[in-house]
Amino acid sequence: MKSKISSLILAAVLGLSGATFSASAFADEGKMVGPVTKITLAADGKSATAIMKDAKSGESTTLTVTDALTLDKFKDKRIVEGDEIRARWEKDGKNTSKSFKKTAGC
C-alpha cells in the first residue's frame, strides 16, 4: 500500500514539474505579424537585422536573422521592405529569429 501511494506522489510531482518547465519555455518567445520597415544585411552576409511593425499594436521590433534560408531571401530580394511577415523569435536580448516567413506565401 505504501509503495502505491509513494508511486502516485512521485508521478504527481514529476507531472507538475514537467508542466512548469514547459510553461516557462514558451514564455520566452515573441510572435508578430506585420510589415518589414527596414532590412540591414551584415557586411559578412551571415546575419541581418529586420525592423518590423506590429499590425495590431503598431509597435516596432528589431529582430536578428541568422538562418541561411531567410538571408538568401533577403539577398535575392524575395523578402523586401514593405512585405507582410509572420515572425517568431526568442526573447534573448537580441530577439533572435526562429521563423521569418511571408504571410501570403513565398
PDB file of N, CA and C in Angstrom:
ATOM      1  N   MET A   1       0.815  -1.186   0.000  1.00  0.00           N
ATOM      2  CA  MET A   1       0.000   0.000   0.000  1.00  0.00           C
ATOM      3  C   MET A   1       0.869   1.266   0.000  1.00  0.00           C
ATOM      4  N   LYS A   2       1.947   1.238   0.796  1.00  0.00           N
ATOM      5  CA  LYS A   2       2.815   2.410   0.866  1.00  0.00           C
ATOM      6  C   LYS A   2       3.523   2.665  -0.460  1.00  0.00           C
ATOM      7  N   SER A   3       3.869   1.596  -1.185  1.00  0.00           N
ATOM      8  CA  SER A   3       4.553   1.782  -2.462  1.00  0.00           C
ATOM      9  C   SER A   3       3.617   2.375  -3.510  1.00  0.00           C
ATOM     10  N   LYS A   4       2.342   2.043  -3.453  1.00  0.00           N
ATOM     11  CA  LYS A   4       1.374   2.622  -4.396  1.00  0.00           C
ATOM     12  C   LYS A   4       1.206   4.115  -4.139  1.00  0.00           C
ATOM     13  N   ILE A   5       1.129   4.492  -2.862  1.00  0.00           N
ATOM     14  CA  ILE A   5       0.969   5.908  -2.522  1.00  0.00           C
ATOM     15  C   ILE A   5       2.223   6.693  -2.909  1.00  0.00           C
ATOM     16  N   SER A   6       3.391   6.138  -2.621  1.00  0.00           N
ATOM     17  CA  SER A   6       4.620   6.838  -2.970  1.00  0.00           C
ATOM     18  C   SER A   6       4.788   6.935  -4.491  1.00  0.00           C
ATOM     19  N   SER A   7       4.358   5.916  -5.232  1.00  0.00           N
ATOM     20  CA  SER A   7       4.411   5.971  -6.692  1.00  0.00           C
ATOM     21  C   SER A   7       3.466   7.039  -7.223  1.00  0.00           C
ATOM     22  N   LEU A   8       2.291   7.149  -6.627  1.00  0.00           N
ATOM     23  CA  LEU A   8       1.315   8.153  -7.035  1.00  0.00           C
ATOM     24  C   LEU A   8       1.837   9.560  -6.752  1.00  0.00           C
ATOM     25  N   ILE A   9       2.438   9.752  -5.590  1.00  0.00           N
ATOM     26  CA  ILE A   9       3.002  11.062  -5.240  1.00  0.00           C
ATOM     27  C   ILE A   9       4.157  11.419  -6.177  1.00  0.00           C
ATOM     28  N   LEU A  10       5.005  10.448  -6.463  1.00  0.00           N
ATOM     29  CA  LEU A  10       6.124  10.687  -7.371  1.00  0.00           C
ATOM     30  C   LEU A  10       5.630  11.072  -8.770  1.00  0.00           C
ATOM     31  N   ALA A  11       4.604  10.386  -9.251  1.00  0.00           N
ATOM     32  CA  ALA A  11       4.044  10.706 -10.571  1.00  0.00           C
ATOM     33  C   ALA A  11       3.452  12.106 -10.586  1.00  0.00           C
ATOM     34  N   ALA A  12       2.782  12.498  -9.507  1.00  0.00           N
ATOM     35  CA  ALA A  12       2.193  13.836  -9.432  1.00  0.00           C
ATOM     36  C   ALA A  12       3.274  14.910  -9.425  1.00  0.00           C
ATOM     37  N   VAL A  13       4.335  14.679  -8.660  1.00  0.00           N
ATOM     38  CA  VAL A  13       5.429  15.661  -8.587  1.00  0.00           C
ATOM     39  C   VAL A  13       6.109  15.802  -9.947  1.00  0.00           C
ATOM     40  N   LEU A  14       6.385  14.689 -10.600  1.00  0.00           N
ATOM     41  CA  LEU A  14       7.016  14.746 -11.922  1.00  0.00           C
ATOM     42  C   LEU A  14       6.111  15.427 -12.945  1.00  0.00           C
ATOM     43  N   GLY A  15       4.824  15.159 -12.878  1.00  0.00           N
ATOM     44  CA  GLY A  15       3.884  15.797 -13.801  1.00  0.00           C
ATOM     45  C   GLY A  15       3.833  17.301 -13.619  1.00  0.00           C
ATOM     46  N   LEU A  16       3.794  17.739 -12.362  1.00  0.00           N
ATOM     47  CA  LEU A  16       3.760  19.181 -12.089  1.00  0.00           C
ATOM     48  C   LEU A  16       5.066  19.863 -12.475  1.00  0.00           C
ATOM     49  N   SER A  17       6.191  19.210 -12.229  1.00  0.00           N
ATOM     50  CA  SER A  17       7.468  19.830 -12.594  1.00  0.00           C
ATOM     51  C   SER A  17       7.618  19.911 -14.110  1.00  0.00           C
ATOM     52  N   GLY A  18       7.127  18.923 -14.840  1.00  0.00           N
ATOM     53  CA  GLY A  18       7.169  18.967 -16.305  1.00  0.00           C
ATOM     54  C   GLY A  18       6.287  20.064 -16.863  1.00  0.00           C
ATOM     55  N   ALA A  19       5.119  20.272 -16.272  1.00  0.00           N
ATOM     56  CA  ALA A  19       4.218  21.331 -16.717  1.00  0.00           C
ATOM     57  C   ALA A  19       4.821  22.704 -16.454  1.00  0.00           C
ATOM     58  N   THR A  20       5.488  22.877 -15.336  1.00  0.00           N
ATOM     59  CA  THR A  20       6.121  24.152 -15.004  1.00  0.00           C
ATOM     60  C   THR A  20       7.261  24.455 -15.967  1.00  0.00           C
ATOM     61  N   PHE A  21       8.075  23.443 -16.300  1.00  0.00           N
ATOM     62  CA  PHE A  21       9.189  23.644 -17.215  1.00  0.00           C
ATOM     63  C   PHE A  21       8.704  24.032 -18.597  1.00  0.00           C
ATOM     64  N   SER A  22       7.681  23.360 -19.119  1.00  0.00           N
ATOM     65  CA  SER A  22       7.222  23.654 -20.476  1.00  0.00           C
ATOM     66  C   SER A  22       6.553  25.020 -20.547  1.00  0.00           C
ATOM     67  N   ALA A  23       5.888  25.455 -19.492  1.00  0.00           N
ATOM     68  CA  ALA A  23       5.268  26.777 -19.495  1.00  0.00           C
ATOM     69  C   ALA A  23       6.330  27.867 -19.524  1.00  0.00           C
ATOM     70  N   SER A  24       7.423  27.672 -18.812  1.00  0.00           N
ATOM     71  CA  SER A  24       8.467  28.692 -18.813  1.00  0.00           C
ATOM     72  C   SER A  24       9.229  28.701 -20.129  1.00  0.00           C
ATOM     73  N   ALA A  25       9.292  27.593 -20.835  1.00  0.00           N
ATOM     74  CA  ALA A  25       9.981  27.550 -22.118  1.00  0.00           C
ATOM     75  C   ALA A  25       9.224  28.365 -23.158  1.00  0.00           C
ATOM     76  N   PHE A  26       7.916  28.352 -23.106  1.00  0.00           N
ATOM     77  CA  PHE A  26       7.126  29.106 -24.074  1.00  0.00           C
ATOM     78  C   PHE A  26       7.021  30.580 -23.716  1.00  0.00           C
ATOM     79  N   ALA A  27       7.350  30.951 -22.509  1.00  0.00           N
ATOM     80  CA  ALA A  27       7.228  32.335 -22.085  1.00  0.00           C
ATOM     81  C   ALA A  27       8.285  33.229 -22.732  1.00  0.00           C
ATOM     82  N   ASP A  28       9.360  32.658 -23.249  1.00  0.00           N
ATOM     83  CA  ASP A  28      10.445  33.441 -23.813  1.00  0.00           C
ATOM     84  C   ASP A  28      10.365  33.543 -25.334  1.00  0.00           C
ATOM     85  N   GLU A  29       9.178  33.515 -25.907  1.00  0.00           N
ATOM     86  CA  GLU A  29       9.026  33.581 -27.349  1.00  0.00           C
ATOM     87  C   GLU A  29       8.100  34.727 -27.712  1.00  0.00           C
ATOM     88  N   GLY A  30       8.483  35.480 -28.752  1.00  0.00           N
ATOM     89  CA  GLY A  30       7.637  36.545 -29.249  1.00  0.00           C
ATOM     90  C   GLY A  30       7.068  36.181 -30.604  1.00  0.00           C
ATOM     91  N   LYS A  31       5.897  36.717 -30.916  1.00  0.00           N
ATOM     92  CA  LYS A  31       5.253  36.477 -32.207  1.00  0.00           C
ATOM     93  C   LYS A  31       4.715  37.795 -32.733  1.00  0.00           C
ATOM     94  N   MET A  32       4.714  37.923 -34.043  1.00  0.00           N
ATOM     95  CA  MET A  32       4.215  39.157 -34.641  1.00  0.00           C
ATOM     96  C   MET A  32       3.868  38.925 -36.107  1.00  0.00           C
ATOM     97  N   VAL A  33       2.844  39.637 -36.574  1.00  0.00           N
ATOM     98  CA  VAL A  33       2.514  39.701 -37.994  1.00  0.00           C
ATOM     99  C   VAL A  33       2.479  41.172 -38.357  1.00  0.00           C
ATOM    100  N   GLY A  34       3.220  41.538 -39.405  1.00  0.00           N
ATOM    101  CA  GLY A  34       3.238  42.927 -39.819  1.00  0.00           C
ATOM    102  C   GLY A  34       4.261  43.164 -40.904  1.00  0.00           C
ATOM    103  N   PRO A  35       4.305  44.391 -41.410  1.00  0.00           N
ATOM    104  CA  PRO A  35       5.247  44.705 -42.494  1.00  0.00           C
ATOM    105  C   PRO A  35       6.668  44.931 -41.990  1.00  0.00           C
ATOM    106  N   VAL A  36       7.625  44.617 -42.858  1.00  0.00           N
ATOM    107  CA  VAL A  36       9.027  44.905 -42.584  1.00  0.00           C
ATOM    108  C   VAL A  36       9.266  46.355 -42.968  1.00  0.00           C
ATOM    109  N   THR A  37       9.823  47.138 -42.051  1.00  0.00           N
ATOM    110  CA  THR A  37      10.079  48.537 -42.367  1.00  0.00           C
ATOM    111  C   THR A  37      11.519  48.784 -42.796  1.00  0.00           C
ATOM    112  N   LYS A  38      12.443  47.905 -42.348  1.00  0.00           N
ATOM    113  CA  LYS A  38      13.846  48.083 -42.738  1.00  0.00           C
ATOM    114  C   LYS A  38      14.586  46.760 -42.614  1.00  0.00           C
ATOM    115  N   ILE A  39      15.434  46.455 -43.599  1.00  0.00           N
ATOM    116  CA  ILE A  39      16.295  45.271 -43.577  1.00  0.00           C
ATOM    117  C   ILE A  39      17.727  45.737 -43.760  1.00  0.00           C
ATOM    118  N   THR A  40      18.614  45.307 -42.858  1.00  0.00           N
ATOM    119  CA  THR A  40      20.028  45.652 -42.952  1.00  0.00           C
ATOM    120  C   THR A  40      20.847  44.375 -42.891  1.00  0.00           C
ATOM    121  N   LEU A  41      21.533  44.055 -43.998  1.00  0.00           N
ATOM    122  CA  LEU A  41      22.405  42.876 -44.030  1.00  0.00           C
ATOM    123  C   LEU A  41      23.764  43.232 -43.446  1.00  0.00           C
ATOM    124  N   ALA A  42      24.352  42.297 -42.701  1.00  0.00           N
ATOM    125  CA  ALA A  42      25.690  42.489 -42.157  1.00  0.00           C
ATOM    126  C   ALA A  42      26.714  42.408 -43.287  1.00  0.00           C
ATOM    127  N   ALA A  43      27.870  43.005 -43.088  1.00  0.00           N
ATOM    128  CA  ALA A  43      28.911  43.026 -44.118  1.00  0.00           C
ATOM    129  C   ALA A  43      29.391  41.624 -44.474  1.00  0.00           C
ATOM    130  N   ASP A  44      29.432  40.721 -43.483  1.00  0.00           N
ATOM    131  CA  ASP A  44      29.889  39.357 -43.765  1.00  0.00           C
ATOM    132  C   ASP A  44      28.802  38.488 -44.384  1.00  0.00           C
ATOM    133  N   GLY A  45      27.554  38.943 -44.400  1.00  0.00           N
ATOM    134  CA  GLY A  45      26.457  38.203 -45.012  1.00  0.00           C
ATOM    135  C   GLY A  45      25.934  37.053 -44.171  1.00  0.00           C
ATOM    136  N   LYS A  46      26.390  36.937 -42.923  1.00  0.00           N
ATOM    137  CA  LYS A  46      25.978  35.826 -42.073  1.00  0.00           C
ATOM    138  C   LYS A  46      24.845  36.184 -41.117  1.00  0.00           C
ATOM    139  N   SER A  47      24.413  37.435 -41.133  1.00  0.00           N
ATOM    140  CA  SER A  47      23.300  37.858 -40.280  1.00  0.00           C
ATOM    141  C   SER A  47      22.669  39.106 -40.882  1.00  0.00           C
ATOM    142  N   ALA A  48      21.515  39.441 -40.349  1.00  0.00           N
ATOM    143  CA  ALA A  48      20.809  40.644 -40.780  1.00  0.00           C
ATOM    144  C   ALA A  48      19.927  41.113 -39.635  1.00  0.00           C
ATOM    145  N   THR A  49      19.569  42.381 -39.675  1.00  0.00           N
ATOM    146  CA  THR A  49      18.583  42.900 -38.734  1.00  0.00           C
ATOM    147  C   THR A  49      17.387  43.366 -39.537  1.00  0.00           C
ATOM    148  N   ALA A  50      16.220  43.049 -39.024  1.00  0.00           N
ATOM    149  CA  ALA A  50      14.978  43.446 -39.684  1.00  0.00           C
ATOM    150  C   ALA A  50      14.113  44.156 -38.656  1.00  0.00           C
ATOM    151  N   ILE A  51      13.597  45.308 -39.024  1.00  0.00           N
ATOM    152  CA  ILE A  51      12.700  46.048 -38.149  1.00  0.00           C
ATOM    153  C   ILE A  51      11.288  45.825 -38.673  1.00  0.00           C
ATOM    154  N   MET A  52      10.425  45.321 -37.787  1.00  0.00           N
ATOM    155  CA  MET A  52       9.044  45.041 -38.150  1.00  0.00           C
ATOM    156  C   MET A  52       8.105  45.918 -37.340  1.00  0.00           C
ATOM    157  N   LYS A  53       6.950  46.205 -37.931  1.00  0.00           N
ATOM    158  CA  LYS A  53       5.920  46.974 -37.249  1.00  0.00           C
ATOM    159  C   LYS A  53       4.723  46.054 -37.043  1.00  0.00           C
ATOM    160  N   ASP A  54       4.313  45.886 -35.798  1.00  0.00           N
ATOM    161  CA  ASP A  54       3.197  45.008 -35.473  1.00  0.00           C
ATOM    162  C   ASP A  54       1.903  45.570 -36.068  1.00  0.00           C
ATOM    163  N   ALA A  55       1.165  44.724 -36.791  1.00  0.00           N
ATOM    164  CA  ALA A  55      -0.068  45.156 -37.438  1.00  0.00           C
ATOM    165  C   ALA A  55      -1.151  45.508 -36.412  1.00  0.00           C
ATOM    166  N   LYS A  56      -1.151  44.848 -35.253  1.00  0.00           N
ATOM    167  CA  LYS A  56      -2.186  45.096 -34.248  1.00  0.00           C
ATOM    168  C   LYS A  56      -1.896  46.321 -33.392  1.00  0.00           C
ATOM    169  N   SER A  57      -0.692  46.377 -32.819  1.00  0.00           N
ATOM    170  CA  SER A  57      -0.391  47.436 -31.859  1.00  0.00           C
ATOM    171  C   SER A  57       0.367  48.616 -32.455  1.00  0.00           C
ATOM    172  N   GLY A  58       1.033  48.415 -33.594  1.00  0.00           N
ATOM    173  CA  GLY A  58       1.814  49.471 -34.202  1.00  0.00           C
ATOM    174  C   GLY A  58       3.225  49.591 -33.644  1.00  0.00           C
ATOM    175  N   GLU A  59       3.600  48.720 -32.684  1.00  0.00           N
ATOM    176  CA  GLU A  59       4.940  48.751 -32.103  1.00  0.00           C
ATOM    177  C   GLU A  59       5.976  48.240 -33.099  1.00  0.00           C
ATOM    178  N   SER A  60       7.170  48.801 -33.056  1.00  0.00           N
ATOM    179  CA  SER A  60       8.277  48.329 -33.880  1.00  0.00           C
ATOM    180  C   SER A  60       9.174  47.423 -33.050  1.00  0.00           C
ATOM    181  N   THR A  61       9.665  46.354 -33.689  1.00  0.00           N
ATOM    182  CA  THR A  61      10.558  45.401 -33.037  1.00  0.00           C
ATOM    183  C   THR A  61      11.712  45.108 -33.975  1.00  0.00           C
ATOM    184  N   THR A  62      12.928  45.088 -33.437  1.00  0.00           N
ATOM    185  CA  THR A  62      14.114  44.754 -34.215  1.00  0.00           C
ATOM    186  C   THR A  62      14.459  43.293 -33.977  1.00  0.00           C
ATOM    187  N   LEU A  63      14.571  42.520 -35.057  1.00  0.00           N
ATOM    188  CA  LEU A  63      14.894  41.102 -34.990  1.00  0.00           C
ATOM    189  C   LEU A  63      16.250  40.850 -35.621  1.00  0.00           C
ATOM    190  N   THR A  64      16.984  39.895 -35.066  1.00  0.00           N
ATOM    191  CA  THR A  64      18.247  39.448 -35.629  1.00  0.00           C
ATOM    192  C   THR A  64      17.993  38.142 -36.367  1.00  0.00           C
ATOM    193  N   VAL A  65      18.311  38.120 -37.663  1.00  0.00           N
ATOM    194  CA  VAL A  65      18.076  36.941 -38.502  1.00  0.00           C
ATOM    195  C   VAL A  65      19.426  36.307 -38.818  1.00  0.00           C
ATOM    196  N   THR A  66      19.541  34.995 -38.547  1.00  0.00           N
ATOM    197  CA  THR A  66      20.803  34.303 -38.807  1.00  0.00           C
ATOM    198  C   THR A  66      20.646  33.050 -39.661  1.00  0.00           C
ATOM    199  N   ASP A  67      19.414  32.611 -39.940  1.00  0.00           N
ATOM    200  CA  ASP A  67      19.273  31.378 -40.714  1.00  0.00           C
ATOM    201  C   ASP A  67      19.524  31.636 -42.198  1.00  0.00           C
ATOM    202  N   ALA A  68      20.184  30.685 -42.840  1.00  0.00           N
ATOM    203  CA  ALA A  68      20.653  30.843 -44.218  1.00  0.00           C
ATOM    204  C   ALA A  68      19.513  31.020 -45.212  1.00  0.00           C
ATOM    205  N   LEU A  69      18.398  30.327 -45.012  1.00  0.00           N
ATOM    206  CA  LEU A  69      17.278  30.414 -45.953  1.00  0.00           C
ATOM    207  C   LEU A  69      16.708  31.828 -46.009  1.00  0.00           C
ATOM    208  N   THR A  70      16.481  32.417 -44.851  1.00  0.00           N
ATOM    209  CA  THR A  70      15.941  33.778 -44.816  1.00  0.00           C
ATOM    210  C   THR A  70      16.956  34.783 -45.330  1.00  0.00           C
ATOM    211  N   LEU A  71      18.234  34.599 -45.017  1.00  0.00           N
ATOM    212  CA  LEU A  71      19.260  35.507 -45.530  1.00  0.00           C
ATOM    213  C   LEU A  71      19.326  35.451 -47.056  1.00  0.00           C
ATOM    214  N   ASP A  72      19.188  34.255 -47.637  1.00  0.00           N
ATOM    215  CA  ASP A  72      19.153  34.135 -49.097  1.00  0.00           C
ATOM    216  C   ASP A  72      17.946  34.873 -49.680  1.00  0.00           C
ATOM    217  N   LYS A  73      16.817  34.822 -48.988  1.00  0.00           N
ATOM    218  CA  LYS A  73      15.624  35.541 -49.456  1.00  0.00           C
ATOM    219  C   LYS A  73      15.833  37.047 -49.402  1.00  0.00           C
ATOM    220  N   PHE A  74      16.574  37.534 -48.408  1.00  0.00           N
ATOM    221  CA  PHE A  74      16.901  38.961 -48.348  1.00  0.00           C
ATOM    222  C   PHE A  74      17.816  39.338 -49.510  1.00  0.00           C
ATOM    223  N   LYS A  75      18.834  38.519 -49.773  1.00  0.00           N
ATOM    224  CA  LYS A  75      19.799  38.815 -50.829  1.00  0.00           C
ATOM    225  C   LYS A  75      19.171  38.759 -52.204  1.00  0.00           C
ATOM    226  N   ASP A  76      18.252  37.797 -52.423  1.00  0.00           N
ATOM    227  CA  ASP A  76      17.582  37.641 -53.722  1.00  0.00           C
ATOM    228  C   ASP A  76      16.398  38.573 -53.903  1.00  0.00           C
ATOM    229  N   LYS A  77      16.118  39.384 -52.887  1.00  0.00           N
ATOM    230  CA  LYS A  77      15.005  40.336 -52.901  1.00  0.00           C
ATOM    231  C   LYS A  77      13.642  39.632 -52.950  1.00  0.00           C
ATOM    232  N   ARG A  78      13.577  38.383 -52.430  1.00  0.00           N
ATOM    233  CA  ARG A  78      12.284  37.702 -52.320  1.00  0.00           C
ATOM    234  C   ARG A  78      11.525  38.207 -51.101  1.00  0.00           C
ATOM    235  N   ILE A  79      12.249  38.724 -50.113  1.00  0.00           N
ATOM    236  CA  ILE A  79      11.656  39.436 -48.986  1.00  0.00           C
ATOM    237  C   ILE A  79      12.272  40.827 -48.997  1.00  0.00           C
ATOM    238  N   VAL A  80      11.414  41.837 -49.143  1.00  0.00           N
ATOM    239  CA  VAL A  80      11.875  43.223 -49.209  1.00  0.00           C
ATOM    240  C   VAL A  80      11.078  44.066 -48.216  1.00  0.00           C
ATOM    241  N   GLU A  81      11.523  45.282 -48.030  1.00  0.00           N
ATOM    242  CA  GLU A  81      10.818  46.207 -47.143  1.00  0.00           C
ATOM    243  C   GLU A  81       9.401  46.405 -47.670  1.00  0.00           C
ATOM    244  N   GLY A  82       8.434  46.366 -46.757  1.00  0.00           N
ATOM    245  CA  GLY A  82       7.031  46.511 -47.107  1.00  0.00           C
ATOM    246  C   GLY A  82       6.274  45.189 -47.152  1.00  0.00           C
ATOM    247  N   ASP A  83       6.979  44.061 -47.249  1.00  0.00           N
ATOM    248  CA  ASP A  83       6.331  42.746 -47.252  1.00  0.00           C
ATOM    249  C   ASP A  83       5.745  42.455 -45.878  1.00  0.00           C
ATOM    250  N   GLU A  84       4.566  41.825 -45.877  1.00  0.00           N
ATOM    251  CA  GLU A  84       3.963  41.420 -44.606  1.00  0.00           C
ATOM    252  C   GLU A  84       4.546  40.072 -44.195  1.00  0.00           C
ATOM    253  N   ILE A  85       5.038  39.996 -42.962  1.00  0.00           N
ATOM    254  CA  ILE A  85       5.775  38.845 -42.462  1.00  0.00           C
ATOM    255  C   ILE A  85       5.121  38.305 -41.198  1.00  0.00           C
ATOM    256  N   ARG A  86       5.168  36.990 -41.055  1.00  0.00           N
ATOM    257  CA  ARG A  86       4.794  36.319 -39.803  1.00  0.00           C
ATOM    258  C   ARG A  86       6.109  35.873 -39.165  1.00  0.00           C
ATOM    259  N   ALA A  87       6.414  36.404 -38.000  1.00  0.00           N
ATOM    260  CA  ALA A  87       7.709  36.142 -37.365  1.00  0.00           C
ATOM    261  C   ALA A  87       7.527  35.601 -35.954  1.00  0.00           C
ATOM    262  N   ARG A  88       8.455  34.724 -35.579  1.00  0.00           N
ATOM    263  CA  ARG A  88       8.589  34.230 -34.210  1.00  0.00           C
ATOM    264  C   ARG A  88      10.050  34.410 -33.820  1.00  0.00           C
ATOM    265  N   TRP A  89      10.292  34.757 -32.565  1.00  0.00           N
ATOM    266  CA  TRP A  89      11.671  34.972 -32.138  1.00  0.00           C
ATOM    267  C   TRP A  89      11.824  34.642 -30.663  1.00  0.00           C
ATOM    268  N   GLU A  90      13.062  34.388 -30.277  1.00  0.00           N
ATOM    269  CA  GLU A  90      13.410  34.162 -28.883  1.00  0.00           C
ATOM    270  C   GLU A  90      13.671  35.507 -28.230  1.00  0.00           C
ATOM    271  N   LYS A  91      13.092  35.726 -27.088  1.00  0.00           N
ATOM    272  CA  LYS A  91      13.348  36.957 -26.338  1.00  0.00           C
ATOM    273  C   LYS A  91      14.592  36.740 -25.500  1.00  0.00           C
ATOM    274  N   ASP A  92      15.753  36.876 -26.154  1.00  0.00           N
ATOM    275  CA  ASP A  92      17.031  36.601 -25.511  1.00  0.00           C
ATOM    276  C   ASP A  92      17.911  37.841 -25.428  1.00  0.00           C
ATOM    277  N   GLY A  93      17.321  38.999 -25.564  1.00  0.00           N
ATOM    278  CA  GLY A  93      18.097  40.236 -25.546  1.00  0.00           C
ATOM    279  C   GLY A  93      18.434  40.717 -26.942  1.00  0.00           C
ATOM    280  N   LYS A  94      18.604  39.764 -27.894  1.00  0.00           N
ATOM    281  CA  LYS A  94      18.906  40.113 -29.285  1.00  0.00           C
ATOM    282  C   LYS A  94      17.702  39.865 -30.192  1.00  0.00           C
ATOM    283  N   ASN A  95      16.626  39.287 -29.651  1.00  0.00           N
ATOM    284  CA  ASN A  95      15.443  38.922 -30.439  1.00  0.00           C
ATOM    285  C   ASN A  95      15.841  38.089 -31.659  1.00  0.00           C
ATOM    286  N   THR A  96      16.442  36.947 -31.417  1.00  0.00           N
ATOM    287  CA  THR A  96      16.918  36.063 -32.473  1.00  0.00           C
ATOM    288  C   THR A  96      15.742  35.373 -33.145  1.00  0.00           C
ATOM    289  N   SER A  97      15.638  35.531 -34.446  1.00  0.00           N
ATOM    290  CA  SER A  97      14.517  34.998 -35.212  1.00  0.00           C
ATOM    291  C   SER A  97      14.540  33.468 -35.252  1.00  0.00           C
ATOM    292  N   LYS A  98      13.359  32.868 -35.022  1.00  0.00           N
ATOM    293  CA  LYS A  98      13.190  31.426 -35.150  1.00  0.00           C
ATOM    294  C   LYS A  98      12.446  31.102 -36.446  1.00  0.00           C
ATOM    295  N   SER A  99      11.566  32.001 -36.863  1.00  0.00           N
ATOM    296  CA  SER A  99      10.779  31.807 -38.081  1.00  0.00           C
ATOM    297  C   SER A  99      10.499  33.184 -38.678  1.00  0.00           C
ATOM    298  N   PHE A 100      10.680  33.327 -39.969  1.00  0.00           N
ATOM    299  CA  PHE A 100      10.515  34.615 -40.643  1.00  0.00           C
ATOM    300  C   PHE A 100       9.956  34.324 -42.034  1.00  0.00           C
ATOM    301  N   LYS A 101       8.633  34.375 -42.213  1.00  0.00           N
ATOM    302  CA  LYS A 101       8.000  33.973 -43.461  1.00  0.00           C
ATOM    303  C   LYS A 101       6.974  34.982 -43.921  1.00  0.00           C
ATOM    304  N   LYS A 102       6.792  35.070 -45.225  1.00  0.00           N
ATOM    305  CA  LYS A 102       5.740  35.903 -45.770  1.00  0.00           C
ATOM    306  C   LYS A 102       4.389  35.300 -45.430  1.00  0.00           C
ATOM    307  N   THR A 103       3.404  36.153 -45.186  1.00  0.00           N
ATOM    308  CA  THR A 103       2.088  35.649 -44.839  1.00  0.00           C
ATOM    309  C   THR A 103       1.333  35.155 -46.064  1.00  0.00           C
ATOM    310  N   ALA A 104       1.633  35.711 -47.228  1.00  0.00           N
ATOM    311  CA  ALA A 104       0.911  35.346 -48.449  1.00  0.00           C
ATOM    312  C   ALA A 104       1.634  34.246 -49.210  1.00  0.00           C
ATOM    313  N   GLY A 105       2.579  33.559 -48.592  1.00  0.00           N
ATOM    314  CA  GLY A 105       3.342  32.509 -49.271  1.00  0.00           C
ATOM    315  C   GLY A 105       4.703  33.019 -49.694  1.00  0.00           C
ATOM    316  N   CYS A 106       5.421  32.167 -50.372  1.00  0.00           N
ATOM    317  CA  CYS A 106       6.779  32.531 -50.780  1.00  0.00           C
ATOM    318  C   CYS A 106       6.695  33.188 -52.097  1.00  0.00           C
TER     319      CYS A 106
END
